[in-house]
Amino acid sequence: MPLSPEHLKQAWLDFKVYKRPEARDELINHYAYLVKITVGRLVTSLPGGLDREDLVGAGVIGLIKSVDQFDPTRDVKFETYAIALIRGAVLEMLRDE
């Protein structure tokens, strides 16, 4: 279930300021939809030996990295930042194959 804007703001504060791991988990779960959207847009056909779930796994790693590295005090929308890192992680996996 998506977080309300107020709860989302509080989760960022709890994670970045108070280092609460539960808040990090909430953020990752809230933004998980970005992985599916990005993988779906990026890959129309899979190379042999790769499963869609492999690409989703790589995308989740990109999402986790984006949550950990994001600076909410900058004037950048999280979704824009996260999609770039998710995309990069998926493309890197595809290049390695």
PDB file of N, CA and C in Angstrom:
ATOM      1  N   MET A   1       0.847  -1.187   0.000  1.00  0.00           N
ATOM      2  CA  MET A   1       0.000   0.000   0.000  1.00  0.00           C
ATOM      3  C   MET A   1       0.887   1.244   0.000  1.00  0.00           C
ATOM      4  N   PRO A   2       0.618   2.175  -0.905  1.00  0.00           N
ATOM      5  CA  PRO A   2       1.445   3.386  -0.963  1.00  0.00           C
ATOM      6  C   PRO A   2       1.308   4.221   0.310  1.00  0.00           C
ATOM      7  N   LEU A   3       2.364   4.912   0.608  1.00  0.00           N
ATOM      8  CA  LEU A   3       2.372   5.781   1.785  1.00  0.00           C
ATOM      9  C   LEU A   3       1.734   7.118   1.437  1.00  0.00           C
ATOM     10  N   SER A   4       1.091   7.724   2.402  1.00  0.00           N
ATOM     11  CA  SER A   4       0.550   9.073   2.190  1.00  0.00           C
ATOM     12  C   SER A   4       1.727  10.041   2.085  1.00  0.00           C
ATOM     13  N   PRO A   5       1.514  11.206   1.468  1.00  0.00           N
ATOM     14  CA  PRO A   5       2.620  12.178   1.359  1.00  0.00           C
ATOM     15  C   PRO A   5       3.242  12.534   2.713  1.00  0.00           C
ATOM     16  N   GLU A   6       2.402  12.649   3.745  1.00  0.00           N
ATOM     17  CA  GLU A   6       2.918  12.985   5.077  1.00  0.00           C
ATOM     18  C   GLU A   6       3.763  11.845   5.635  1.00  0.00           C
ATOM     19  N   HIS A   7       3.260  10.617   5.472  1.00  0.00           N
ATOM     20  CA  HIS A   7       3.983   9.446   5.981  1.00  0.00           C
ATOM     21  C   HIS A   7       5.295   9.269   5.211  1.00  0.00           C
ATOM     22  N   LEU A   8       5.256   9.540   3.911  1.00  0.00           N
ATOM     23  CA  LEU A   8       6.454   9.435   3.083  1.00  0.00           C
ATOM     24  C   LEU A   8       7.523  10.427   3.543  1.00  0.00           C
ATOM     25  N   LYS A   9       7.101  11.641   3.797  1.00  0.00           N
ATOM     26  CA  LYS A   9       8.031  12.673   4.284  1.00  0.00           C
ATOM     27  C   LYS A   9       8.640  12.254   5.622  1.00  0.00           C
ATOM     28  N   GLN A  10       7.804  11.705   6.499  1.00  0.00           N
ATOM     29  CA  GLN A  10       8.268  11.244   7.802  1.00  0.00           C
ATOM     30  C   GLN A  10       9.229  10.066   7.657  1.00  0.00           C
ATOM     31  N   ALA A  11       8.952   9.165   6.704  1.00  0.00           N
ATOM     32  CA  ALA A  11       9.836   8.015   6.490  1.00  0.00           C
ATOM     33  C   ALA A  11      11.221   8.478   6.032  1.00  0.00           C
ATOM     34  N   TRP A  12      11.261   9.464   5.141  1.00  0.00           N
ATOM     35  CA  TRP A  12      12.568  10.001   4.711  1.00  0.00           C
ATOM     36  C   TRP A  12      13.312  10.612   5.900  1.00  0.00           C
ATOM     37  N   LEU A  13      12.598  11.360   6.714  1.00  0.00           N
ATOM     38  CA  LEU A  13      13.211  11.968   7.903  1.00  0.00           C
ATOM     39  C   LEU A  13      13.714  10.896   8.853  1.00  0.00           C
ATOM     40  N   ASP A  14      12.890   9.892   9.124  1.00  0.00           N
ATOM     41  CA  ASP A  14      13.276   8.811  10.034  1.00  0.00           C
ATOM     42  C   ASP A  14      14.495   8.052   9.520  1.00  0.00           C
ATOM     43  N   PHE A  15      14.572   7.849   8.212  1.00  0.00           N
ATOM     44  CA  PHE A  15      15.701   7.100   7.657  1.00  0.00           C
ATOM     45  C   PHE A  15      16.966   7.952   7.581  1.00  0.00           C
ATOM     46  N   LYS A  16      16.856   9.140   7.043  1.00  0.00           N
ATOM     47  CA  LYS A  16      18.057   9.950   6.811  1.00  0.00           C
ATOM     48  C   LYS A  16      18.591  10.602   8.089  1.00  0.00           C
ATOM     49  N   VAL A  17      17.712  11.012   8.966  1.00  0.00           N
ATOM     50  CA  VAL A  17      18.153  11.704  10.180  1.00  0.00           C
ATOM     51  C   VAL A  17      18.344  10.733  11.341  1.00  0.00           C
ATOM     52  N   TYR A  18      17.344   9.863  11.552  1.00  0.00           N
ATOM     53  CA  TYR A  18      17.364   8.988  12.726  1.00  0.00           C
ATOM     54  C   TYR A  18      17.868   7.574  12.420  1.00  0.00           C
ATOM     55  N   LYS A  19      18.175   7.316  11.147  1.00  0.00           N
ATOM     56  CA  LYS A  19      18.782   6.033  10.718  1.00  0.00           C
ATOM     57  C   LYS A  19      17.933   4.816  11.087  1.00  0.00           C
ATOM     58  N   ARG A  20      16.616   4.950  11.044  1.00  0.00           N
ATOM     59  CA  ARG A  20      15.717   3.833  11.367  1.00  0.00           C
ATOM     60  C   ARG A  20      15.649   2.864  10.182  1.00  0.00           C
ATOM     61  N   PRO A  21      16.068   1.604  10.363  1.00  0.00           N
ATOM     62  CA  PRO A  21      16.014   0.637   9.265  1.00  0.00           C
ATOM     63  C   PRO A  21      14.580   0.331   8.808  1.00  0.00           C
ATOM     64  N   GLU A  22      13.602   0.457   9.719  1.00  0.00           N
ATOM     65  CA  GLU A  22      12.211   0.222   9.339  1.00  0.00           C
ATOM     66  C   GLU A  22      11.756   1.259   8.320  1.00  0.00           C
ATOM     67  N   ALA A  23      12.224   2.481   8.473  1.00  0.00           N
ATOM     68  CA  ALA A  23      11.863   3.548   7.535  1.00  0.00           C
ATOM     69  C   ALA A  23      12.472   3.255   6.163  1.00  0.00           C
ATOM     70  N   ARG A  24      13.678   2.737   6.146  1.00  0.00           N
ATOM     71  CA  ARG A  24      14.330   2.362   4.879  1.00  0.00           C
ATOM     72  C   ARG A  24      13.504   1.296   4.165  1.00  0.00           C
ATOM     73  N   ASP A  25      13.061   0.298   4.918  1.00  0.00           N
ATOM     74  CA  ASP A  25      12.235  -0.765   4.344  1.00  0.00           C
ATOM     75  C   ASP A  25      10.920  -0.211   3.787  1.00  0.00           C
ATOM     76  N   GLU A  26      10.313   0.717   4.524  1.00  0.00           N
ATOM     77  CA  GLU A  26       9.070   1.342   4.051  1.00  0.00           C
ATOM     78  C   GLU A  26       9.292   2.069   2.729  1.00  0.00           C
ATOM     79  N   LEU A  27      10.395   2.787   2.635  1.00  0.00           N
ATOM     80  CA  LEU A  27      10.704   3.536   1.407  1.00  0.00           C
ATOM     81  C   LEU A  27      10.931   2.588   0.234  1.00  0.00           C
ATOM     82  N   ILE A  28      11.679   1.532   0.464  1.00  0.00           N
ATOM     83  CA  ILE A  28      11.952   0.562  -0.604  1.00  0.00           C
ATOM     84  C   ILE A  28      10.649  -0.075  -1.073  1.00  0.00           C
ATOM     85  N   ASN A  29       9.796  -0.474  -0.141  1.00  0.00           N
ATOM     86  CA  ASN A  29       8.513  -1.080  -0.507  1.00  0.00           C
ATOM     87  C   ASN A  29       7.612  -0.087  -1.239  1.00  0.00           C
ATOM     88  N   HIS A  30       7.623   1.155  -0.791  1.00  0.00           N
ATOM     89  CA  HIS A  30       6.786   2.185  -1.412  1.00  0.00           C
ATOM     90  C   HIS A  30       7.180   2.413  -2.873  1.00  0.00           C
ATOM     91  N   TYR A  31       8.466   2.427  -3.145  1.00  0.00           N
ATOM     92  CA  TYR A  31       8.952   2.743  -4.486  1.00  0.00           C
ATOM     93  C   TYR A  31       9.242   1.507  -5.355  1.00  0.00           C
ATOM     94  N   ALA A  32       8.877   0.332  -4.895  1.00  0.00           N
ATOM     95  CA  ALA A  32       9.146  -0.901  -5.649  1.00  0.00           C
ATOM     96  C   ALA A  32       8.498  -0.890  -7.035  1.00  0.00           C
ATOM     97  N   TYR A  33       7.396  -0.187  -7.158  1.00  0.00           N
ATOM     98  CA  TYR A  33       6.718  -0.127  -8.463  1.00  0.00           C
ATOM     99  C   TYR A  33       7.623   0.463  -9.549  1.00  0.00           C
ATOM    100  N   LEU A  34       8.566   1.304  -9.168  1.00  0.00           N
ATOM    101  CA  LEU A  34       9.477   1.911 -10.140  1.00  0.00           C
ATOM    102  C   LEU A  34      10.326   0.860 -10.841  1.00  0.00           C
ATOM    103  N   VAL A  35      10.657  -0.208 -10.130  1.00  0.00           N
ATOM    104  CA  VAL A  35      11.469  -1.279 -10.713  1.00  0.00           C
ATOM    105  C   VAL A  35      10.694  -1.957 -11.840  1.00  0.00           C
ATOM    106  N   LYS A  36       9.457  -2.333 -11.576  1.00  0.00           N
ATOM    107  CA  LYS A  36       8.655  -3.024 -12.591  1.00  0.00           C
ATOM    108  C   LYS A  36       8.434  -2.137 -13.809  1.00  0.00           C
ATOM    109  N   ILE A  37       8.128  -0.876 -13.574  1.00  0.00           N
ATOM    110  CA  ILE A  37       7.916   0.055 -14.689  1.00  0.00           C
ATOM    111  C   ILE A  37       9.183   0.195 -15.520  1.00  0.00           C
ATOM    112  N   THR A  38      10.315   0.382 -14.861  1.00  0.00           N
ATOM    113  CA  THR A  38      11.578   0.601 -15.563  1.00  0.00           C
ATOM    114  C   THR A  38      11.997  -0.634 -16.335  1.00  0.00           C
ATOM    115  N   VAL A  39      11.912  -1.802 -15.726  1.00  0.00           N
ATOM    116  CA  VAL A  39      12.278  -3.046 -16.420  1.00  0.00           C
ATOM    117  C   VAL A  39      11.354  -3.253 -17.617  1.00  0.00           C
ATOM    118  N   GLY A  40      10.071  -2.996 -17.442  1.00  0.00           N
ATOM    119  CA  GLY A  40       9.108  -3.161 -18.529  1.00  0.00           C
ATOM    120  C   GLY A  40       9.394  -2.257 -19.708  1.00  0.00           C
ATOM    121  N   ARG A  41       9.811  -1.042 -19.443  1.00  0.00           N
ATOM    122  CA  ARG A  41      10.118  -0.087 -20.516  1.00  0.00           C
ATOM    123  C   ARG A  41      11.444  -0.398 -21.193  1.00  0.00           C
ATOM    124  N   LEU A  42      12.369  -0.917 -20.428  1.00  0.00           N
ATOM    125  CA  LEU A  42      13.723  -1.151 -20.935  1.00  0.00           C
ATOM    126  C   LEU A  42      13.828  -2.381 -21.828  1.00  0.00           C
ATOM    127  N   VAL A  43      13.192  -3.449 -21.401  1.00  0.00           N
ATOM    128  CA  VAL A  43      13.417  -4.733 -22.058  1.00  0.00           C
ATOM    129  C   VAL A  43      12.118  -5.254 -22.648  1.00  0.00           C
ATOM    130  N   THR A  44      12.101  -5.367 -23.975  1.00  0.00           N
ATOM    131  CA  THR A  44      10.923  -5.934 -24.625  1.00  0.00           C
ATOM    132  C   THR A  44      11.132  -7.423 -24.883  1.00  0.00           C
ATOM    133  N   SER A  45      12.372  -7.808 -25.184  1.00  0.00           N
ATOM    134  CA  SER A  45      12.671  -9.231 -25.340  1.00  0.00           C
ATOM    135  C   SER A  45      13.933  -9.550 -24.538  1.00  0.00           C
ATOM    136  N   LEU A  46      13.922 -10.697 -23.892  1.00  0.00           N
ATOM    137  CA  LEU A  46      15.030 -11.079 -23.014  1.00  0.00           C
ATOM    138  C   LEU A  46      16.066 -11.883 -23.780  1.00  0.00           C
ATOM    139  N   PRO A  47      17.346 -11.604 -23.533  1.00  0.00           N
ATOM    140  CA  PRO A  47      18.382 -12.446 -24.125  1.00  0.00           C
ATOM    141  C   PRO A  47      18.331 -13.851 -23.518  1.00  0.00           C
ATOM    142  N   GLY A  48      18.809 -14.842 -24.264  1.00  0.00           N
ATOM    143  CA  GLY A  48      18.787 -16.222 -23.782  1.00  0.00           C
ATOM    144  C   GLY A  48      19.489 -16.373 -22.449  1.00  0.00           C
ATOM    145  N   GLY A  49      18.946 -17.213 -21.604  1.00  0.00           N
ATOM    146  CA  GLY A  49      19.565 -17.481 -20.311  1.00  0.00           C
ATOM    147  C   GLY A  49      19.189 -16.486 -19.232  1.00  0.00           C
ATOM    148  N   LEU A  50      18.429 -15.446 -19.587  1.00  0.00           N
ATOM    149  CA  LEU A  50      18.019 -14.453 -18.588  1.00  0.00           C
ATOM    150  C   LEU A  50      16.516 -14.528 -18.379  1.00  0.00           C
ATOM    151  N   ASP A  51      16.136 -14.426 -17.144  1.00  0.00           N
ATOM    152  CA  ASP A  51      14.730 -14.417 -16.766  1.00  0.00           C
ATOM    153  C   ASP A  51      14.364 -12.979 -16.395  1.00  0.00           C
ATOM    154  N   ARG A  52      13.106 -12.621 -16.578  1.00  0.00           N
ATOM    155  CA  ARG A  52      12.644 -11.276 -16.204  1.00  0.00           C
ATOM    156  C   ARG A  52      12.918 -10.997 -14.719  1.00  0.00           C
ATOM    157  N   GLU A  53      12.800 -12.031 -13.899  1.00  0.00           N
ATOM    158  CA  GLU A  53      13.045 -11.866 -12.458  1.00  0.00           C
ATOM    159  C   GLU A  53      14.507 -11.495 -12.170  1.00  0.00           C
ATOM    160  N   ASP A  54      15.435 -11.946 -13.019  1.00  0.00           N
ATOM    161  CA  ASP A  54      16.839 -11.551 -12.859  1.00  0.00           C
ATOM    162  C   ASP A  54      16.986 -10.043 -13.031  1.00  0.00           C
ATOM    163  N   LEU A  55      16.286  -9.520 -14.033  1.00  0.00           N
ATOM    164  CA  LEU A  55      16.351  -8.080 -14.289  1.00  0.00           C
ATOM    165  C   LEU A  55      15.659  -7.293 -13.175  1.00  0.00           C
ATOM    166  N   VAL A  56      14.560  -7.826 -12.676  1.00  0.00           N
ATOM    167  CA  VAL A  56      13.868  -7.172 -11.561  1.00  0.00           C
ATOM    168  C   VAL A  56      14.780  -7.163 -10.333  1.00  0.00           C
ATOM    169  N   GLY A  57      15.499  -8.263 -10.106  1.00  0.00           N
ATOM    170  CA  GLY A  57      16.447  -8.321  -8.984  1.00  0.00           C
ATOM    171  C   GLY A  57      17.530  -7.272  -9.103  1.00  0.00           C
ATOM    172  N   ALA A  58      18.058  -7.109 -10.314  1.00  0.00           N
ATOM    173  CA  ALA A  58      19.070  -6.068 -10.540  1.00  0.00           C
ATOM    174  C   ALA A  58      18.465  -4.690 -10.308  1.00  0.00           C
ATOM    175  N   GLY A  59      17.211  -4.519 -10.739  1.00  0.00           N
ATOM    176  CA  GLY A  59      16.531  -3.237 -10.531  1.00  0.00           C
ATOM    177  C   GLY A  59      16.305  -2.932  -9.065  1.00  0.00           C
ATOM    178  N   VAL A  60      15.990  -3.955  -8.288  1.00  0.00           N
ATOM    179  CA  VAL A  60      15.793  -3.764  -6.840  1.00  0.00           C
ATOM    180  C   VAL A  60      17.104  -3.305  -6.195  1.00  0.00           C
ATOM    181  N   ILE A  61      18.207  -3.871  -6.645  1.00  0.00           N
ATOM    182  CA  ILE A  61      19.506  -3.432  -6.122  1.00  0.00           C
ATOM    183  C   ILE A  61      19.718  -1.949  -6.440  1.00  0.00           C
ATOM    184  N   GLY A  62      19.353  -1.547  -7.657  1.00  0.00           N
ATOM    185  CA  GLY A  62      19.440  -0.125  -8.018  1.00  0.00           C
ATOM    186  C   GLY A  62      18.531   0.736  -7.166  1.00  0.00           C
ATOM    187  N   LEU A  63      17.341   0.232  -6.850  1.00  0.00           N
ATOM    188  CA  LEU A  63      16.403   0.972  -5.996  1.00  0.00           C
ATOM    189  C   LEU A  63      16.963   1.134  -4.588  1.00  0.00           C
ATOM    190  N   ILE A  64      17.499   0.059  -4.040  1.00  0.00           N
ATOM    191  CA  ILE A  64      18.067   0.120  -2.689  1.00  0.00           C
ATOM    192  C   ILE A  64      19.215   1.130  -2.652  1.00  0.00           C
ATOM    193  N   LYS A  65      20.054   1.080  -3.669  1.00  0.00           N
ATOM    194  CA  LYS A  65      21.168   2.023  -3.759  1.00  0.00           C
ATOM    195  C   LYS A  65      20.652   3.466  -3.837  1.00  0.00           C
ATOM    196  N   SER A  66      19.580   3.673  -4.587  1.00  0.00           N
ATOM    197  CA  SER A  66      19.048   5.029  -4.723  1.00  0.00           C
ATOM    198  C   SER A  66      18.453   5.535  -3.409  1.00  0.00           C
ATOM    199  N   VAL A  67      17.774   4.657  -2.665  1.00  0.00           N
ATOM    200  CA  VAL A  67      17.230   5.065  -1.361  1.00  0.00           C
ATOM    201  C   VAL A  67      18.378   5.414  -0.411  1.00  0.00           C
ATOM    202  N   ASP A  68      19.425   4.595  -0.417  1.00  0.00           N
ATOM    203  CA  ASP A  68      20.555   4.833   0.484  1.00  0.00           C
ATOM    204  C   ASP A  68      21.314   6.114   0.148  1.00  0.00           C
ATOM    205  N   GLN A  69      21.423   6.447  -1.134  1.00  0.00           N
ATOM    206  CA  GLN A  69      22.252   7.583  -1.551  1.00  0.00           C
ATOM    207  C   GLN A  69      21.483   8.884  -1.760  1.00  0.00           C
ATOM    208  N   PHE A  70      20.166   8.825  -1.813  1.00  0.00           N
ATOM    209  CA  PHE A  70      19.367  10.009  -2.118  1.00  0.00           C
ATOM    210  C   PHE A  70      19.496  11.063  -1.027  1.00  0.00           C
ATOM    211  N   ASP A  71      19.582  12.319  -1.462  1.00  0.00           N
ATOM    212  CA  ASP A  71      19.633  13.444  -0.541  1.00  0.00           C
ATOM    213  C   ASP A  71      18.339  14.242  -0.685  1.00  0.00           C
ATOM    214  N   PRO A  72      17.407  14.065   0.253  1.00  0.00           N
ATOM    215  CA  PRO A  72      16.116  14.755   0.133  1.00  0.00           C
ATOM    216  C   PRO A  72      16.200  16.275   0.228  1.00  0.00           C
ATOM    217  N   THR A  73      17.325  16.802   0.677  1.00  0.00           N
ATOM    218  CA  THR A  73      17.440  18.255   0.789  1.00  0.00           C
ATOM    219  C   THR A  73      17.720  18.914  -0.558  1.00  0.00           C
ATOM    220  N   ARG A  74      18.121  18.126  -1.552  1.00  0.00           N
ATOM    221  CA  ARG A  74      18.356  18.678  -2.892  1.00  0.00           C
ATOM    222  C   ARG A  74      17.024  18.812  -3.621  1.00  0.00           C
ATOM    223  N   ASP A  75      17.034  19.657  -4.612  1.00  0.00           N
ATOM    224  CA  ASP A  75      15.796  19.921  -5.353  1.00  0.00           C
ATOM    225  C   ASP A  75      15.656  18.944  -6.516  1.00  0.00           C
ATOM    226  N   VAL A  76      15.658  17.631  -6.187  1.00  0.00           N
ATOM    227  CA  VAL A  76      15.530  16.581  -7.196  1.00  0.00           C
ATOM    228  C   VAL A  76      14.416  15.645  -6.746  1.00  0.00           C
ATOM    229  N   LYS A  77      13.564  15.276  -7.689  1.00  0.00           N
ATOM    230  CA  LYS A  77      12.483  14.341  -7.375  1.00  0.00           C
ATOM    231  C   LYS A  77      13.084  12.944  -7.222  1.00  0.00           C
ATOM    232  N   PHE A  78      12.700  12.233  -6.161  1.00  0.00           N
ATOM    233  CA  PHE A  78      13.277  10.914  -5.912  1.00  0.00           C
ATOM    234  C   PHE A  78      13.050   9.966  -7.077  1.00  0.00           C
ATOM    235  N   GLU A  79      11.853   9.968  -7.624  1.00  0.00           N
ATOM    236  CA  GLU A  79      11.525   9.049  -8.713  1.00  0.00           C
ATOM    237  C   GLU A  79      12.496   9.195  -9.882  1.00  0.00           C
ATOM    238  N   THR A  80      12.826  10.422 -10.231  1.00  0.00           N
ATOM    239  CA  THR A  80      13.760  10.686 -11.332  1.00  0.00           C
ATOM    240  C   THR A  80      15.134  10.106 -11.012  1.00  0.00           C
ATOM    241  N   TYR A  81      15.592  10.334  -9.803  1.00  0.00           N
ATOM    242  CA  TYR A  81      16.894   9.836  -9.354  1.00  0.00           C
ATOM    243  C   TYR A  81      16.904   8.307  -9.340  1.00  0.00           C
ATOM    244  N   ALA A  82      15.854   7.718  -8.774  1.00  0.00           N
ATOM    245  CA  ALA A  82      15.793   6.261  -8.635  1.00  0.00           C
ATOM    246  C   ALA A  82      15.730   5.563  -9.986  1.00  0.00           C
ATOM    247  N   ILE A  83      14.932   6.085 -10.902  1.00  0.00           N
ATOM    248  CA  ILE A  83      14.800   5.455 -12.218  1.00  0.00           C
ATOM    249  C   ILE A  83      16.152   5.403 -12.916  1.00  0.00           C
ATOM    250  N   ALA A  84      16.946   6.452 -12.777  1.00  0.00           N
ATOM    251  CA  ALA A  84      18.277   6.458 -13.399  1.00  0.00           C
ATOM    252  C   ALA A  84      19.154   5.344 -12.820  1.00  0.00           C
ATOM    253  N   LEU A  85      19.141   5.156 -11.511  1.00  0.00           N
ATOM    254  CA  LEU A  85      19.960   4.114 -10.896  1.00  0.00           C
ATOM    255  C   LEU A  85      19.416   2.714 -11.180  1.00  0.00           C
ATOM    256  N   ILE A  86      18.100   2.564 -11.190  1.00  0.00           N
ATOM    257  CA  ILE A  86      17.489   1.274 -11.516  1.00  0.00           C
ATOM    258  C   ILE A  86      17.852   0.895 -12.952  1.00  0.00           C
ATOM    259  N   ARG A  87      17.684   1.848 -13.845  1.00  0.00           N
ATOM    260  CA  ARG A  87      18.006   1.621 -15.261  1.00  0.00           C
ATOM    261  C   ARG A  87      19.470   1.219 -15.421  1.00  0.00           C
ATOM    262  N   GLY A  88      20.345   1.923 -14.740  1.00  0.00           N
ATOM    263  CA  GLY A  88      21.769   1.624 -14.808  1.00  0.00           C
ATOM    264  C   GLY A  88      22.089   0.222 -14.317  1.00  0.00           C
ATOM    265  N   ALA A  89      21.452  -0.188 -13.231  1.00  0.00           N
ATOM    266  CA  ALA A  89      21.703  -1.530 -12.680  1.00  0.00           C
ATOM    267  C   ALA A  89      21.225  -2.611 -13.644  1.00  0.00           C
ATOM    268  N   VAL A  90      20.082  -2.398 -14.271  1.00  0.00           N
ATOM    269  CA  VAL A  90      19.553  -3.388 -15.224  1.00  0.00           C
ATOM    270  C   VAL A  90      20.436  -3.449 -16.471  1.00  0.00           C
ATOM    271  N   LEU A  91      20.817  -2.274 -16.996  1.00  0.00           N
ATOM    272  CA  LEU A  91      21.671  -2.258 -18.178  1.00  0.00           C
ATOM    273  C   LEU A  91      23.024  -2.905 -17.897  1.00  0.00           C
ATOM    274  N   GLU A  92      23.551  -2.687 -16.707  1.00  0.00           N
ATOM    275  CA  GLU A  92      24.825  -3.309 -16.333  1.00  0.00           C
ATOM    276  C   GLU A  92      24.691  -4.833 -16.337  1.00  0.00           C
ATOM    277  N   MET A  93      23.589  -5.336 -15.819  1.00  0.00           N
ATOM    278  CA  MET A  93      23.376  -6.793 -15.823  1.00  0.00           C
ATOM    279  C   MET A  93      23.271  -7.309 -17.258  1.00  0.00           C
ATOM    280  N   LEU A  94      22.567  -6.567 -18.102  1.00  0.00           N
ATOM    281  CA  LEU A  94      22.442  -6.987 -19.492  1.00  0.00           C
ATOM    282  C   LEU A  94      23.788  -6.974 -20.213  1.00  0.00           C
ATOM    283  N   ARG A  95      24.601  -5.981 -19.924  1.00  0.00           N
ATOM    284  CA  ARG A  95      25.951  -5.913 -20.523  1.00  0.00           C
ATOM    285  C   ARG A  95      26.807  -7.076 -20.079  1.00  0.00           C
ATOM    286  N   ASP A  96      26.689  -7.443 -18.806  1.00  0.00           N
ATOM    287  CA  ASP A  96      27.477  -8.568 -18.278  1.00  0.00           C
ATOM    288  C   ASP A  96      27.088  -9.888 -18.938  1.00  0.00           C
ATOM    289  N   GLU A  97      25.852  -9.997 -19.375  1.00  0.00           N
ATOM    290  CA  GLU A  97      25.394 -11.228 -20.041  1.00  0.00           C
ATOM    291  C   GLU A  97      25.853 -11.179 -21.469  1.00  0.00           C
TER     292      GLU A  97
END
